[in-house]
Amino acid sequence: MDTIGDFLTKIRNAYRASRPFVEAQASKMREAIARVLKEQGYIEDYQVLEEGRKRFLRVLLRYGPRGQAALRQITRVSKPGRRLYASAAKLPEVANGLGIAIISTSQGVMTDKEARRRGIGGEIICLVQ
């Protein structure tokens, strides 16, 4: 039951199928991941939709002028069976700085670059290129 892994897989599969958007059940962690992806330009936007008591997260995917996906690869690192934590000095650098690692810290979800700048470590959620 890896809900974050399922969310990342839905995004990866939607990009491969050239879908305009993908929907998943909303949670605070998924919204935070979508916020970071939007800030970094990997997705166009995201919306939280409510149908009765259920909340859904709609992620609008971003494509280039020739239809190429903005996100090439997204890989789950920390899993429910094996959590992976790193200090600020040992945070991974993705694709020599061209990609990002999404980190869950005590100050919220942020990129590896932001966590390094603030001098805090945390759980490495995923790597994005």
Protein backbone atom coordinates (compact mmCIF):
# COMPACT_ATOMS: atom_id res chain seq x y z
CA MET A 1 0.00 0.00 0.00
CA ASP A 2 2.37 2.69 -1.23
CA THR A 3 0.00 5.56 -2.04
CA ILE A 4 2.81 7.96 -2.98
CA GLY A 5 4.38 5.35 -5.25
CA ASP A 6 1.01 4.78 -6.92
CA PHE A 7 0.63 8.54 -7.44
CA LEU A 8 4.08 8.80 -9.05
CA THR A 9 3.33 5.78 -11.25
CA LYS A 10 0.07 7.38 -12.42
CA ILE A 11 1.98 10.52 -13.42
CA ARG A 12 4.69 8.48 -15.20
CA ASN A 13 2.12 6.38 -17.09
CA ALA A 14 0.04 9.43 -18.07
CA TYR A 15 3.12 11.09 -19.58
CA ARG A 16 3.95 7.93 -21.52
CA ALA A 17 0.37 7.79 -22.85
CA SER A 18 0.45 11.56 -23.69
CA ARG A 19 -2.59 12.27 -21.50
CA PRO A 20 -3.49 15.91 -20.77
CA PHE A 21 -4.06 15.25 -17.06
CA VAL A 22 -4.15 12.56 -14.39
CA GLU A 23 -6.39 12.22 -11.33
CA ALA A 24 -5.64 10.62 -7.97
CA GLN A 25 -7.13 10.70 -4.51
CA ALA A 26 -5.94 13.82 -2.69
CA SER A 27 -3.75 13.88 0.42
CA LYS A 28 -1.54 16.53 1.97
CA MET A 29 1.64 14.71 0.85
CA ARG A 30 0.42 14.31 -2.74
CA GLU A 31 -0.57 17.98 -2.86
CA ALA A 32 2.87 18.95 -1.55
CA ILE A 33 4.60 16.80 -4.19
CA ALA A 34 2.40 18.34 -6.92
CA ARG A 35 3.24 21.84 -5.60
CA VAL A 36 6.98 21.12 -5.87
CA LEU A 37 6.59 19.64 -9.37
CA LYS A 38 4.66 22.76 -10.46
CA GLU A 39 7.22 25.16 -8.96
CA GLN A 40 10.01 23.34 -10.79
CA GLY A 41 8.12 23.31 -14.14
CA TYR A 42 7.54 19.54 -14.45
CA ILE A 43 3.75 19.90 -14.50
CA GLU A 44 1.49 22.69 -15.75
CA ASP A 45 -0.79 22.95 -12.71
CA TYR A 46 -2.78 20.96 -10.17
CA GLN A 47 -6.27 21.31 -8.73
CA VAL A 48 -8.03 19.83 -5.72
CA LEU A 49 -11.56 18.74 -6.66
CA GLU A 50 -14.26 17.68 -4.23
CA GLU A 51 -17.08 15.26 -5.01
CA GLY A 52 -19.18 14.93 -1.88
CA ARG A 53 -16.82 13.87 0.89
CA LYS A 54 -14.07 12.65 -1.46
CA ARG A 55 -11.20 14.88 -2.57
CA PHE A 56 -9.33 14.34 -5.83
CA LEU A 57 -6.11 15.83 -7.09
CA ARG A 58 -6.07 16.63 -10.82
CA VAL A 59 -2.56 17.12 -12.20
CA LEU A 60 -2.35 18.92 -15.56
CA LEU A 61 0.69 17.61 -17.42
CA ARG A 62 3.15 19.81 -19.30
CA TYR A 63 4.38 19.15 -22.83
CA GLY A 64 6.80 21.02 -25.09
CA PRO A 65 5.94 22.61 -28.44
CA ARG A 66 6.59 19.33 -30.29
CA GLY A 67 4.71 17.21 -27.75
CA GLN A 68 7.73 16.10 -25.71
CA ALA A 69 7.04 15.47 -22.02
CA ALA A 70 8.48 17.95 -19.51
CA LEU A 71 9.16 15.09 -17.08
CA ARG A 72 11.41 12.32 -18.40
CA GLN A 73 11.79 10.14 -15.34
CA ILE A 74 10.34 9.98 -11.82
CA THR A 75 11.62 7.32 -9.43
CA ARG A 76 10.41 6.48 -5.91
CA VAL A 77 13.35 6.23 -3.49
CA SER A 78 11.99 5.91 0.05
CA LYS A 79 9.41 3.13 0.27
CA PRO A 80 7.15 1.98 3.11
CA GLY A 81 9.35 -1.07 3.71
CA ARG A 82 12.62 0.87 3.53
CA ARG A 83 12.66 4.54 4.41
CA LEU A 84 15.70 6.46 3.22
CA TYR A 85 16.85 9.55 5.11
CA ALA A 86 19.80 11.86 4.42
CA SER A 87 21.41 14.83 6.11
CA ALA A 88 21.76 18.11 4.24
CA ALA A 89 25.36 17.28 3.29
CA LYS A 90 24.42 13.84 1.91
CA LEU A 91 21.35 14.72 -0.14
CA PRO A 92 21.61 13.27 -3.66
CA GLU A 93 22.33 15.45 -6.66
CA VAL A 94 20.18 14.30 -9.59
CA ALA A 95 21.65 14.37 -13.12
CA ASN A 96 24.47 16.73 -12.10
CA GLY A 97 21.97 19.33 -10.92
CA LEU A 98 19.62 19.12 -13.92
CA GLY A 99 17.03 17.07 -12.01
CA ILE A 100 15.61 17.34 -8.51
CA ALA A 101 15.09 15.15 -5.48
CA ILE A 102 11.89 15.77 -3.54
CA ILE A 103 12.61 15.73 0.20
CA SER A 104 10.16 15.59 3.11
CA THR A 105 11.66 17.65 5.94
CA SER A 106 10.49 18.97 9.29
CA GLN A 107 9.82 22.28 7.49
CA GLY A 108 7.71 20.75 4.71
CA VAL A 109 8.22 19.11 1.33
CA MET A 110 10.90 20.77 -0.83
CA THR A 111 13.61 20.14 -3.42
CA ASP A 112 17.09 18.92 -2.53
CA LYS A 113 18.53 22.32 -3.48
CA GLU A 114 16.20 24.17 -1.09
CA ALA A 115 16.92 21.69 1.73
CA ARG A 116 20.68 22.11 1.18
CA ARG A 117 20.31 25.90 1.21
CA ARG A 118 18.40 25.73 4.52
CA GLY A 119 20.84 23.17 5.93
CA ILE A 120 18.23 20.52 6.75
CA GLY A 121 17.93 16.87 5.80
CA GLY A 122 14.95 14.55 5.64
CA GLU A 123 13.31 11.64 3.89
CA ILE A 124 14.10 11.33 0.18
CA ILE A 125 10.70 10.82 -1.46
CA CYS A 126 11.64 10.59 -5.16
CA LEU A 127 14.07 11.64 -7.88
CA VAL A 128 12.80 13.62 -10.90
CA GLN A 129 14.44 14.32 -14.26
